Amino acid sequence: MALPWPLRDRLLARRALAARAGDEAAMRALYRELYPEIARFVGRRVRSRADAEDLVSRVFFTLVERLDDFDPKKGNLRGWLFRIARNAIIDHFRKQRPTVAFDGLGELLPAEVDDPLSELIERERLGHVVRQLEAQPTEIRELLALRYADGLRHKEIAAMTGLSESAVKQRVSRAVRELRTQVARISEKGGADVAVG
């Protein structure tokens, strides 16, 4: 069973302070605790597995190198480390156009499909949602990915992006509302755009 967020944040902060004081076991515990999340976060944004592994290594190297910069009074360690990961990804893509994977799109669509025609219609709807997401500004795509694909809390997203928590909530809510409206329009058409033949 996972710890509730406030307890987990305090535990990570204590481990970070211990690691900063030279406790190698605390540093290993931080790595074990945070590696899966950081690897998933980076892996969803970087297509090459080798590049993703390299970036994750750099993130944890930066953690070790800059642990003295972490201040638990200014934010939580998890958010701070995700910000380091985000900056590493941005640096990686400076010469390329970034793409964001949205694995959690299915929640915007109705749940079950029973027959091939329904499945075809659902795929068409999902394709429409993906096109709508791709049409969003980069900032909105990133906020949605951080919230739904990576499961970050609004507070953590705010710490990563430099936006206020209320601005993050508002932008994510507005984008989801707009996407749901688009999906509802497609549903009202009954998948009329899908050619059956």
N, C-alpha and C. Protein backbone atom coordinates (compact mmCIF):
# COMPACT_ATOMS: atom_id res chain seq x y z
N MET A 1 0.84 -1.18 0.00
CA MET A 1 0.00 0.00 0.00
C MET A 1 0.89 1.25 0.00
N ALA A 2 0.60 2.16 -0.88
CA ALA A 2 1.39 3.38 -1.00
C ALA A 2 1.01 4.36 0.12
N LEU A 3 1.98 5.14 0.51
CA LEU A 3 1.73 6.16 1.53
C LEU A 3 0.91 7.30 0.95
N PRO A 4 0.08 7.96 1.76
CA PRO A 4 -0.62 9.16 1.28
C PRO A 4 0.41 10.22 0.92
N TRP A 5 0.05 11.11 -0.02
CA TRP A 5 0.99 12.10 -0.55
C TRP A 5 1.69 12.92 0.54
N PRO A 6 0.98 13.48 1.51
CA PRO A 6 1.71 14.30 2.49
C PRO A 6 2.78 13.51 3.25
N LEU A 7 2.45 12.27 3.63
CA LEU A 7 3.44 11.45 4.33
C LEU A 7 4.60 11.09 3.43
N ARG A 8 4.28 10.75 2.19
CA ARG A 8 5.34 10.41 1.23
C ARG A 8 6.27 11.60 0.99
N ASP A 9 5.68 12.79 0.85
CA ASP A 9 6.50 13.98 0.63
C ASP A 9 7.44 14.22 1.80
N ARG A 10 6.93 14.05 3.03
CA ARG A 10 7.78 14.25 4.22
C ARG A 10 8.89 13.20 4.29
N LEU A 11 8.54 11.95 3.97
CA LEU A 11 9.54 10.88 3.98
C LEU A 11 10.63 11.15 2.95
N LEU A 12 10.24 11.56 1.74
CA LEU A 12 11.24 11.86 0.71
C LEU A 12 12.12 13.04 1.13
N ALA A 13 11.52 14.05 1.75
CA ALA A 13 12.30 15.21 2.21
C ALA A 13 13.30 14.78 3.27
N ARG A 14 12.87 13.91 4.21
CA ARG A 14 13.80 13.43 5.24
C ARG A 14 14.95 12.64 4.63
N ARG A 15 14.60 11.79 3.65
CA ARG A 15 15.65 11.01 2.98
C ARG A 15 16.61 11.92 2.24
N ALA A 16 16.07 12.96 1.60
CA ALA A 16 16.92 13.90 0.87
C ALA A 16 17.88 14.61 1.81
N LEU A 17 17.38 15.02 2.97
CA LEU A 17 18.25 15.69 3.94
C LEU A 17 19.31 14.74 4.47
N ALA A 18 18.93 13.48 4.70
CA ALA A 18 19.90 12.48 5.16
C ALA A 18 20.94 12.21 4.07
N ALA A 19 20.49 12.11 2.83
CA ALA A 19 21.41 11.87 1.71
C ALA A 19 22.37 13.05 1.57
N ARG A 20 21.85 14.24 1.75
CA ARG A 20 22.70 15.44 1.67
C ARG A 20 23.78 15.41 2.76
N ALA A 21 23.45 14.81 3.89
CA ALA A 21 24.41 14.70 5.00
C ALA A 21 25.38 13.54 4.80
N GLY A 22 25.25 12.81 3.67
CA GLY A 22 26.19 11.74 3.37
C GLY A 22 25.67 10.33 3.59
N ASP A 23 24.40 10.17 3.90
CA ASP A 23 23.82 8.85 4.14
C ASP A 23 23.55 8.16 2.79
N GLU A 24 24.42 7.21 2.44
CA GLU A 24 24.29 6.51 1.15
C GLU A 24 23.04 5.65 1.08
N ALA A 25 22.63 5.07 2.20
CA ALA A 25 21.41 4.25 2.22
C ALA A 25 20.19 5.12 1.89
N ALA A 26 20.18 6.35 2.38
CA ALA A 26 19.07 7.27 2.08
C ALA A 26 19.05 7.60 0.59
N MET A 27 20.23 7.80 0.00
CA MET A 27 20.30 8.09 -1.43
C MET A 27 19.82 6.90 -2.25
N ARG A 28 20.21 5.70 -1.86
CA ARG A 28 19.73 4.49 -2.56
C ARG A 28 18.22 4.37 -2.43
N ALA A 29 17.69 4.68 -1.26
CA ALA A 29 16.24 4.61 -1.05
C ALA A 29 15.51 5.62 -1.93
N LEU A 30 16.06 6.82 -2.06
CA LEU A 30 15.47 7.83 -2.95
C LEU A 30 15.46 7.32 -4.39
N TYR A 31 16.57 6.75 -4.80
CA TYR A 31 16.68 6.23 -6.16
C TYR A 31 15.63 5.14 -6.39
N ARG A 32 15.55 4.17 -5.47
CA ARG A 32 14.57 3.08 -5.61
C ARG A 32 13.14 3.61 -5.66
N GLU A 33 12.86 4.60 -4.85
CA GLU A 33 11.50 5.15 -4.76
C GLU A 33 11.12 5.95 -6.01
N LEU A 34 12.05 6.75 -6.51
CA LEU A 34 11.72 7.71 -7.57
C LEU A 34 12.09 7.25 -8.97
N TYR A 35 12.98 6.29 -9.09
CA TYR A 35 13.42 5.85 -10.42
C TYR A 35 12.25 5.43 -11.32
N PRO A 36 11.32 4.57 -10.86
CA PRO A 36 10.26 4.13 -11.78
C PRO A 36 9.42 5.29 -12.34
N GLU A 37 9.10 6.27 -11.49
CA GLU A 37 8.30 7.40 -11.95
C GLU A 37 9.06 8.27 -12.95
N ILE A 38 10.32 8.53 -12.65
CA ILE A 38 11.12 9.36 -13.55
C ILE A 38 11.36 8.63 -14.87
N ALA A 39 11.63 7.34 -14.81
CA ALA A 39 11.84 6.56 -16.04
C ALA A 39 10.58 6.55 -16.89
N ARG A 40 9.42 6.41 -16.27
CA ARG A 40 8.15 6.43 -17.01
C ARG A 40 7.92 7.81 -17.64
N PHE A 41 8.17 8.85 -16.85
CA PHE A 41 7.99 10.22 -17.30
C PHE A 41 8.86 10.51 -18.53
N VAL A 42 10.12 10.15 -18.45
CA VAL A 42 11.05 10.39 -19.55
C VAL A 42 10.72 9.48 -20.73
N GLY A 43 10.44 8.21 -20.44
CA GLY A 43 10.15 7.24 -21.50
C GLY A 43 8.95 7.60 -22.35
N ARG A 44 7.97 8.27 -21.77
CA ARG A 44 6.78 8.68 -22.53
C ARG A 44 7.06 9.83 -23.48
N ARG A 45 8.16 10.51 -23.27
CA ARG A 45 8.45 11.69 -24.07
C ARG A 45 9.61 11.49 -25.04
N VAL A 46 10.42 10.50 -24.79
CA VAL A 46 11.59 10.26 -25.64
C VAL A 46 11.42 8.91 -26.31
N ARG A 47 11.45 8.90 -27.62
CA ARG A 47 11.15 7.67 -28.36
C ARG A 47 12.24 6.61 -28.25
N SER A 48 13.47 7.02 -28.24
CA SER A 48 14.60 6.09 -28.19
C SER A 48 14.83 5.62 -26.75
N ARG A 49 14.84 4.31 -26.57
CA ARG A 49 15.07 3.76 -25.23
C ARG A 49 16.45 4.16 -24.71
N ALA A 50 17.44 4.13 -25.59
CA ALA A 50 18.80 4.51 -25.17
C ALA A 50 18.85 5.97 -24.72
N ASP A 51 18.17 6.86 -25.47
CA ASP A 51 18.12 8.27 -25.08
C ASP A 51 17.41 8.44 -23.75
N ALA A 52 16.31 7.70 -23.57
CA ALA A 52 15.55 7.78 -22.32
C ALA A 52 16.40 7.34 -21.14
N GLU A 53 17.11 6.22 -21.30
CA GLU A 53 17.97 5.73 -20.22
C GLU A 53 19.07 6.73 -19.90
N ASP A 54 19.63 7.33 -20.95
CA ASP A 54 20.67 8.34 -20.75
C ASP A 54 20.12 9.54 -19.99
N LEU A 55 18.93 10.00 -20.37
CA LEU A 55 18.33 11.15 -19.69
C LEU A 55 18.01 10.84 -18.23
N VAL A 56 17.49 9.65 -17.96
CA VAL A 56 17.18 9.27 -16.58
C VAL A 56 18.47 9.26 -15.75
N SER A 57 19.54 8.73 -16.33
CA SER A 57 20.83 8.74 -15.63
C SER A 57 21.28 10.16 -15.33
N ARG A 58 21.10 11.04 -16.31
CA ARG A 58 21.48 12.44 -16.10
C ARG A 58 20.65 13.09 -15.00
N VAL A 59 19.35 12.75 -14.97
CA VAL A 59 18.47 13.32 -13.94
C VAL A 59 18.96 12.92 -12.55
N PHE A 60 19.28 11.65 -12.37
CA PHE A 60 19.73 11.21 -11.05
C PHE A 60 21.15 11.69 -10.74
N PHE A 61 21.97 11.86 -11.75
CA PHE A 61 23.29 12.47 -11.54
C PHE A 61 23.10 13.91 -11.05
N THR A 62 22.16 14.62 -11.68
CA THR A 62 21.87 16.00 -11.27
C THR A 62 21.33 16.03 -9.85
N LEU A 63 20.49 15.04 -9.50
CA LEU A 63 19.98 14.96 -8.12
C LEU A 63 21.15 14.89 -7.13
N VAL A 64 22.09 14.00 -7.40
CA VAL A 64 23.25 13.85 -6.50
C VAL A 64 24.07 15.14 -6.48
N GLU A 65 24.29 15.69 -7.67
CA GLU A 65 25.14 16.87 -7.80
C GLU A 65 24.53 18.11 -7.16
N ARG A 66 23.20 18.24 -7.24
CA ARG A 66 22.54 19.47 -6.79
C ARG A 66 21.65 19.29 -5.57
N LEU A 67 21.81 18.21 -4.85
CA LEU A 67 20.97 17.95 -3.69
C LEU A 67 21.03 19.08 -2.67
N ASP A 68 22.17 19.75 -2.60
CA ASP A 68 22.29 20.88 -1.67
C ASP A 68 21.34 22.03 -2.03
N ASP A 69 20.92 22.10 -3.30
CA ASP A 69 20.01 23.16 -3.75
C ASP A 69 18.56 22.89 -3.35
N PHE A 70 18.24 21.65 -3.00
CA PHE A 70 16.86 21.31 -2.66
C PHE A 70 16.48 21.91 -1.30
N ASP A 71 15.35 22.63 -1.29
CA ASP A 71 14.84 23.23 -0.05
C ASP A 71 13.43 22.72 0.18
N PRO A 72 13.23 21.84 1.18
CA PRO A 72 11.90 21.27 1.43
C PRO A 72 10.84 22.33 1.75
N LYS A 73 11.27 23.52 2.17
CA LYS A 73 10.31 24.59 2.48
C LYS A 73 9.71 25.19 1.20
N LYS A 74 10.42 25.05 0.09
CA LYS A 74 9.96 25.64 -1.17
C LYS A 74 9.16 24.68 -2.04
N GLY A 75 9.17 23.40 -1.72
CA GLY A 75 8.44 22.43 -2.52
C GLY A 75 8.87 21.02 -2.18
N ASN A 76 8.21 20.05 -2.81
CA ASN A 76 8.54 18.66 -2.49
C ASN A 76 9.62 18.13 -3.43
N LEU A 77 10.32 17.12 -2.97
CA LEU A 77 11.44 16.55 -3.72
C LEU A 77 10.98 15.96 -5.04
N ARG A 78 9.85 15.30 -5.03
CA ARG A 78 9.33 14.67 -6.24
C ARG A 78 9.11 15.71 -7.34
N GLY A 79 8.45 16.81 -6.99
CA GLY A 79 8.23 17.89 -7.95
C GLY A 79 9.54 18.50 -8.44
N TRP A 80 10.49 18.66 -7.53
CA TRP A 80 11.80 19.20 -7.88
C TRP A 80 12.52 18.29 -8.87
N LEU A 81 12.45 16.97 -8.61
CA LEU A 81 13.12 16.02 -9.50
C LEU A 81 12.42 15.94 -10.86
N PHE A 82 11.08 16.02 -10.87
CA PHE A 82 10.37 16.05 -12.15
C PHE A 82 10.74 17.31 -12.94
N ARG A 83 10.97 18.40 -12.26
CA ARG A 83 11.38 19.62 -12.95
C ARG A 83 12.76 19.43 -13.59
N ILE A 84 13.66 18.78 -12.87
CA ILE A 84 14.98 18.47 -13.43
C ILE A 84 14.81 17.59 -14.67
N ALA A 85 13.93 16.58 -14.58
CA ALA A 85 13.69 15.68 -15.71
C ALA A 85 13.10 16.45 -16.89
N ARG A 86 12.14 17.32 -16.60
CA ARG A 86 11.52 18.12 -17.66
C ARG A 86 12.57 18.98 -18.36
N ASN A 87 13.43 19.62 -17.59
CA ASN A 87 14.47 20.45 -18.19
C ASN A 87 15.44 19.62 -19.02
N ALA A 88 15.76 18.42 -18.56
CA ALA A 88 16.65 17.54 -19.33
C ALA A 88 16.00 17.15 -20.66
N ILE A 89 14.70 16.89 -20.63
CA ILE A 89 13.97 16.54 -21.86
C ILE A 89 13.94 17.73 -22.81
N ILE A 90 13.66 18.91 -22.28
CA ILE A 90 13.64 20.12 -23.11
C ILE A 90 15.00 20.32 -23.76
N ASP A 91 16.06 20.17 -23.00
CA ASP A 91 17.41 20.29 -23.57
C ASP A 91 17.63 19.26 -24.67
N HIS A 92 17.14 18.05 -24.44
CA HIS A 92 17.29 16.97 -25.43
C HIS A 92 16.59 17.31 -26.74
N PHE A 93 15.43 17.96 -26.64
CA PHE A 93 14.63 18.22 -27.83
C PHE A 93 14.82 19.62 -28.41
N ARG A 94 15.79 20.35 -27.95
CA ARG A 94 15.95 21.73 -28.43
C ARG A 94 16.01 21.81 -29.96
N LYS A 95 16.60 20.82 -30.59
CA LYS A 95 16.73 20.85 -32.04
C LYS A 95 15.65 20.05 -32.75
N GLN A 96 14.75 19.46 -31.98
CA GLN A 96 13.68 18.66 -32.57
C GLN A 96 12.35 19.17 -32.06
N ARG A 97 11.29 18.83 -32.76
CA ARG A 97 9.95 19.17 -32.28
C ARG A 97 9.51 18.07 -31.31
N PRO A 98 9.18 18.44 -30.06
CA PRO A 98 8.78 17.41 -29.09
C PRO A 98 7.39 16.85 -29.38
N THR A 99 7.22 15.58 -29.05
CA THR A 99 5.91 14.96 -29.11
C THR A 99 5.59 14.41 -27.73
N VAL A 100 4.31 14.37 -27.40
CA VAL A 100 3.88 13.91 -26.09
C VAL A 100 2.93 12.75 -26.28
N ALA A 101 3.13 11.68 -25.54
CA ALA A 101 2.23 10.52 -25.60
C ALA A 101 1.11 10.71 -24.59
N PHE A 102 -0.11 10.40 -25.00
CA PHE A 102 -1.27 10.51 -24.12
C PHE A 102 -1.89 9.14 -23.99
N ASP A 103 -1.39 8.36 -23.03
CA ASP A 103 -1.90 7.01 -22.85
C ASP A 103 -3.27 6.98 -22.20
N GLY A 104 -3.66 8.02 -21.49
CA GLY A 104 -4.91 8.00 -20.74
C GLY A 104 -6.09 8.58 -21.49
N LEU A 105 -6.05 8.60 -22.81
CA LEU A 105 -7.13 9.21 -23.57
C LEU A 105 -8.44 8.44 -23.49
N GLY A 106 -8.36 7.15 -23.24
CA GLY A 106 -9.56 6.33 -23.23
C GLY A 106 -10.61 6.81 -22.24
N GLU A 107 -10.19 7.50 -21.16
CA GLU A 107 -11.15 7.94 -20.17
C GLU A 107 -12.07 9.03 -20.70
N LEU A 108 -11.71 9.65 -21.81
CA LEU A 108 -12.58 10.66 -22.40
C LEU A 108 -13.67 10.03 -23.26
N LEU A 109 -13.55 8.75 -23.53
CA LEU A 109 -14.48 8.05 -24.40
C LEU A 109 -15.35 7.10 -23.60
N PRO A 110 -16.53 6.70 -24.15
CA PRO A 110 -17.36 5.71 -23.48
C PRO A 110 -16.58 4.41 -23.28
N ALA A 111 -16.95 3.66 -22.23
CA ALA A 111 -16.15 2.53 -21.76
C ALA A 111 -16.06 1.33 -22.69
N GLU A 112 -17.10 0.56 -22.87
CA GLU A 112 -17.03 -0.74 -23.53
C GLU A 112 -17.54 -0.69 -24.97
N VAL A 113 -16.97 -1.54 -25.80
CA VAL A 113 -17.48 -1.74 -27.15
C VAL A 113 -17.75 -3.22 -27.34
N ASP A 114 -18.90 -3.54 -27.97
CA ASP A 114 -19.32 -4.94 -28.06
C ASP A 114 -19.18 -5.53 -29.45
N ASP A 115 -19.13 -4.71 -30.48
CA ASP A 115 -19.08 -5.27 -31.82
C ASP A 115 -18.05 -4.52 -32.67
N PRO A 116 -17.68 -5.09 -33.81
CA PRO A 116 -16.65 -4.48 -34.65
C PRO A 116 -16.99 -3.06 -35.11
N LEU A 117 -18.27 -2.80 -35.43
CA LEU A 117 -18.66 -1.47 -35.87
C LEU A 117 -18.46 -0.47 -34.73
N SER A 118 -18.87 -0.85 -33.52
CA SER A 118 -18.69 0.03 -32.37
C SER A 118 -17.20 0.28 -32.12
N GLU A 119 -16.40 -0.76 -32.27
CA GLU A 119 -14.96 -0.61 -32.08
C GLU A 119 -14.38 0.36 -33.11
N LEU A 120 -14.83 0.25 -34.34
CA LEU A 120 -14.37 1.15 -35.40
C LEU A 120 -14.76 2.59 -35.07
N ILE A 121 -15.98 2.77 -34.59
CA ILE A 121 -16.44 4.11 -34.23
C ILE A 121 -15.61 4.66 -33.07
N GLU A 122 -15.34 3.82 -32.07
CA GLU A 122 -14.54 4.26 -30.92
C GLU A 122 -13.13 4.64 -31.36
N ARG A 123 -12.56 3.87 -32.28
CA ARG A 123 -11.22 4.22 -32.78
C ARG A 123 -11.24 5.56 -33.50
N GLU A 124 -12.30 5.79 -34.26
CA GLU A 124 -12.44 7.07 -34.96
C GLU A 124 -12.54 8.21 -33.95
N ARG A 125 -13.30 7.99 -32.89
CA ARG A 125 -13.43 9.02 -31.85
C ARG A 125 -12.08 9.28 -31.17
N LEU A 126 -11.37 8.22 -30.86
CA LEU A 126 -10.07 8.37 -30.23
C LEU A 126 -9.12 9.12 -31.17
N GLY A 127 -9.17 8.79 -32.45
CA GLY A 127 -8.35 9.51 -33.43
C GLY A 127 -8.69 10.99 -33.45
N HIS A 128 -9.99 11.29 -33.31
CA HIS A 128 -10.42 12.69 -33.28
C HIS A 128 -9.86 13.39 -32.03
N VAL A 129 -9.90 12.71 -30.88
CA VAL A 129 -9.36 13.29 -29.65
C VAL A 129 -7.87 13.55 -29.81
N VAL A 130 -7.15 12.59 -30.40
CA VAL A 130 -5.71 12.77 -30.61
C VAL A 130 -5.47 13.98 -31.51
N ARG A 131 -6.25 14.11 -32.58
CA ARG A 131 -6.09 15.28 -33.47
C ARG A 131 -6.37 16.58 -32.72
N GLN A 132 -7.40 16.57 -31.86
CA GLN A 132 -7.71 17.76 -31.06
C GLN A 132 -6.55 18.09 -30.11
N LEU A 133 -5.97 17.06 -29.51
CA LEU A 133 -4.82 17.28 -28.62
C LEU A 133 -3.63 17.85 -29.38
N GLU A 134 -3.38 17.30 -30.55
CA GLU A 134 -2.25 17.77 -31.35
C GLU A 134 -2.44 19.22 -31.78
N ALA A 135 -3.70 19.65 -31.88
CA ALA A 135 -4.00 21.03 -32.28
C ALA A 135 -3.84 22.01 -31.12
N GLN A 136 -3.75 21.50 -29.91
CA GLN A 136 -3.60 22.36 -28.73
C GLN A 136 -2.20 22.97 -28.70
N PRO A 137 -2.07 24.12 -28.07
CA PRO A 137 -0.73 24.69 -27.90
C PRO A 137 0.16 23.73 -27.09
N THR A 138 1.44 23.81 -27.32
CA THR A 138 2.40 22.92 -26.65
C THR A 138 2.23 22.94 -25.14
N GLU A 139 2.02 24.12 -24.57
CA GLU A 139 1.88 24.23 -23.11
C GLU A 139 0.69 23.41 -22.61
N ILE A 140 -0.44 23.47 -23.31
CA ILE A 140 -1.64 22.73 -22.89
C ILE A 140 -1.40 21.23 -23.04
N ARG A 141 -0.78 20.81 -24.15
CA ARG A 141 -0.48 19.38 -24.33
C ARG A 141 0.41 18.88 -23.19
N GLU A 142 1.39 19.69 -22.83
CA GLU A 142 2.30 19.29 -21.75
C GLU A 142 1.56 19.21 -20.41
N LEU A 143 0.72 20.19 -20.11
CA LEU A 143 -0.04 20.16 -18.86
C LEU A 143 -0.93 18.93 -18.78
N LEU A 144 -1.61 18.61 -19.88
CA LEU A 144 -2.48 17.42 -19.91
C LEU A 144 -1.66 16.14 -19.74
N ALA A 145 -0.51 16.09 -20.37
CA ALA A 145 0.34 14.89 -20.24
C ALA A 145 0.84 14.74 -18.81
N LEU A 146 1.25 15.83 -18.21
CA LEU A 146 1.74 15.77 -16.83
C LEU A 146 0.63 15.32 -15.89
N ARG A 147 -0.58 15.81 -16.12
CA ARG A 147 -1.69 15.49 -15.22
C ARG A 147 -2.21 14.06 -15.43
N TYR A 148 -2.47 13.69 -16.70
CA TYR A 148 -3.15 12.42 -16.96
C TYR A 148 -2.21 11.28 -17.34
N ALA A 149 -1.20 11.55 -18.14
CA ALA A 149 -0.29 10.47 -18.52
C ALA A 149 0.68 10.16 -17.38
N ASP A 150 1.13 11.20 -16.67
CA ASP A 150 2.11 10.99 -15.61
C ASP A 150 1.50 10.98 -14.21
N GLY A 151 0.24 11.38 -14.10
CA GLY A 151 -0.46 11.32 -12.82
C GLY A 151 0.06 12.30 -11.77
N LEU A 152 0.63 13.41 -12.21
CA LEU A 152 1.13 14.39 -11.25
C LEU A 152 -0.02 15.23 -10.71
N ARG A 153 0.15 15.70 -9.48
CA ARG A 153 -0.83 16.58 -8.86
C ARG A 153 -0.64 18.00 -9.39
N HIS A 154 -1.69 18.82 -9.29
CA HIS A 154 -1.61 20.20 -9.76
C HIS A 154 -0.45 20.94 -9.10
N LYS A 155 -0.25 20.70 -7.82
CA LYS A 155 0.83 21.36 -7.07
C LYS A 155 2.20 21.00 -7.66
N GLU A 156 2.38 19.74 -8.01
CA GLU A 156 3.66 19.30 -8.58
C GLU A 156 3.86 19.89 -9.98
N ILE A 157 2.79 19.96 -10.75
CA ILE A 157 2.88 20.55 -12.09
C ILE A 157 3.24 22.02 -11.97
N ALA A 158 2.62 22.70 -11.01
CA ALA A 158 2.92 24.11 -10.79
C ALA A 158 4.40 24.30 -10.45
N ALA A 159 4.92 23.44 -9.59
CA ALA A 159 6.34 23.55 -9.22
C ALA A 159 7.24 23.33 -10.42
N MET A 160 6.85 22.42 -11.31
CA MET A 160 7.67 22.12 -12.48
C MET A 160 7.65 23.23 -13.52
N THR A 161 6.46 23.81 -13.71
CA THR A 161 6.27 24.75 -14.82
C THR A 161 6.45 26.20 -14.44
N GLY A 162 6.40 26.49 -13.13
CA GLY A 162 6.50 27.88 -12.71
C GLY A 162 5.16 28.60 -12.73
N LEU A 163 4.08 27.90 -13.07
CA LEU A 163 2.74 28.48 -13.03
C LEU A 163 2.21 28.36 -11.61
N SER A 164 1.18 29.15 -11.30
CA SER A 164 0.54 28.97 -9.99
C SER A 164 -0.32 27.71 -10.04
N GLU A 165 -0.59 27.15 -8.88
CA GLU A 165 -1.42 25.95 -8.81
C GLU A 165 -2.81 26.22 -9.38
N SER A 166 -3.37 27.39 -9.09
CA SER A 166 -4.71 27.70 -9.61
C SER A 166 -4.69 27.85 -11.14
N ALA A 167 -3.61 28.38 -11.69
CA ALA A 167 -3.51 28.49 -13.15
C ALA A 167 -3.45 27.11 -13.79
N VAL A 168 -2.71 26.19 -13.17
CA VAL A 168 -2.63 24.82 -13.68
C VAL A 168 -4.01 24.19 -13.66
N LYS A 169 -4.70 24.27 -12.52
CA LYS A 169 -6.05 23.69 -12.40
C LYS A 169 -6.98 24.25 -13.47
N GLN A 170 -6.95 25.56 -13.62
CA GLN A 170 -7.84 26.22 -14.57
C GLN A 170 -7.55 25.79 -16.02
N ARG A 171 -6.29 25.77 -16.39
CA ARG A 171 -5.93 25.42 -17.77
C ARG A 171 -6.22 23.96 -18.08
N VAL A 172 -5.94 23.07 -17.14
CA VAL A 172 -6.22 21.65 -17.34
C VAL A 172 -7.73 21.44 -17.43
N SER A 173 -8.49 22.04 -16.51
CA SER A 173 -9.95 21.88 -16.52
C SER A 173 -10.56 22.40 -17.82
N ARG A 174 -10.10 23.56 -18.26
CA ARG A 174 -10.63 24.14 -19.50
C ARG A 174 -10.32 23.24 -20.69
N ALA A 175 -9.11 22.74 -20.77
CA ALA A 175 -8.73 21.87 -21.89
C ALA A 175 -9.54 20.58 -21.89
N VAL A 176 -9.73 19.98 -20.72
CA VAL A 176 -10.51 18.74 -20.63
C VAL A 176 -11.96 19.01 -21.01
N ARG A 177 -12.50 20.13 -20.54
CA ARG A 177 -13.88 20.49 -20.89
C ARG A 177 -14.03 20.64 -22.41
N GLU A 178 -13.09 21.31 -23.04
CA GLU A 178 -13.14 21.49 -24.49
C GLU A 178 -13.03 20.16 -25.22
N LEU A 179 -12.14 19.29 -24.75
CA LEU A 179 -12.00 17.97 -25.38
C LEU A 179 -13.28 17.15 -25.22
N ARG A 180 -13.89 17.19 -24.04
CA ARG A 180 -15.14 16.46 -23.82
C ARG A 180 -16.25 16.98 -24.72
N THR A 181 -16.28 18.30 -24.92
CA THR A 181 -17.27 18.89 -25.83
C THR A 181 -17.07 18.36 -27.24
N GLN A 182 -15.81 18.31 -27.67
CA GLN A 182 -15.51 17.79 -29.00
C GLN A 182 -15.93 16.32 -29.13
N VAL A 183 -15.63 15.52 -28.11
CA VAL A 183 -16.00 14.10 -28.13
C VAL A 183 -17.52 13.96 -28.15
N ALA A 184 -18.22 14.80 -27.38
CA ALA A 184 -19.68 14.74 -27.35
C ALA A 184 -20.26 15.05 -28.73
N ARG A 185 -19.66 16.01 -29.43
CA ARG A 185 -20.14 16.33 -30.79
C ARG A 185 -20.00 15.13 -31.71
N ILE A 186 -18.86 14.44 -31.60
CA ILE A 186 -18.65 13.24 -32.42
C ILE A 186 -19.67 12.18 -32.04
N SER A 187 -19.91 12.00 -30.74
CA SER A 187 -20.88 11.00 -30.27
C SER A 187 -22.28 11.30 -30.79
N GLU A 188 -22.64 12.59 -30.82
CA GLU A 188 -23.96 12.97 -31.33
C GLU A 188 -24.11 12.62 -32.80
N LYS A 189 -23.01 12.70 -33.54
CA LYS A 189 -23.05 12.33 -34.95
C LYS A 189 -23.21 10.83 -35.11
N GLY A 190 -22.92 10.10 -34.03
CA GLY A 190 -23.03 8.64 -34.08
C GLY A 190 -21.97 8.01 -34.95
N GLY A 191 -20.82 8.68 -35.04
CA GLY A 191 -19.73 8.12 -35.84
C GLY A 191 -19.98 8.26 -37.32
N ALA A 192 -20.74 9.29 -37.71
CA ALA A 192 -21.10 9.46 -39.11
C ALA A 192 -19.89 9.63 -40.01
N ASP A 193 -18.78 10.06 -39.45
CA ASP A 193 -17.58 10.25 -40.26
C ASP A 193 -16.90 8.93 -40.62
N VAL A 194 -17.31 7.84 -39.99
CA VAL A 194 -16.68 6.55 -40.21
C VAL A 194 -17.33 5.88 -41.42
N ALA A 195 -16.51 5.58 -42.39
CA ALA A 195 -17.03 4.90 -43.58
C ALA A 195 -17.12 3.41 -43.32
N VAL A 196 -18.27 2.82 -43.60
CA VAL A 196 -18.47 1.38 -43.42
C VAL A 196 -18.70 0.80 -44.80
N GLY A 197 -17.97 -0.25 -45.10
CA GLY A 197 -18.18 -0.77 -46.43
C GLY A 197 -17.65 -2.08 -46.55
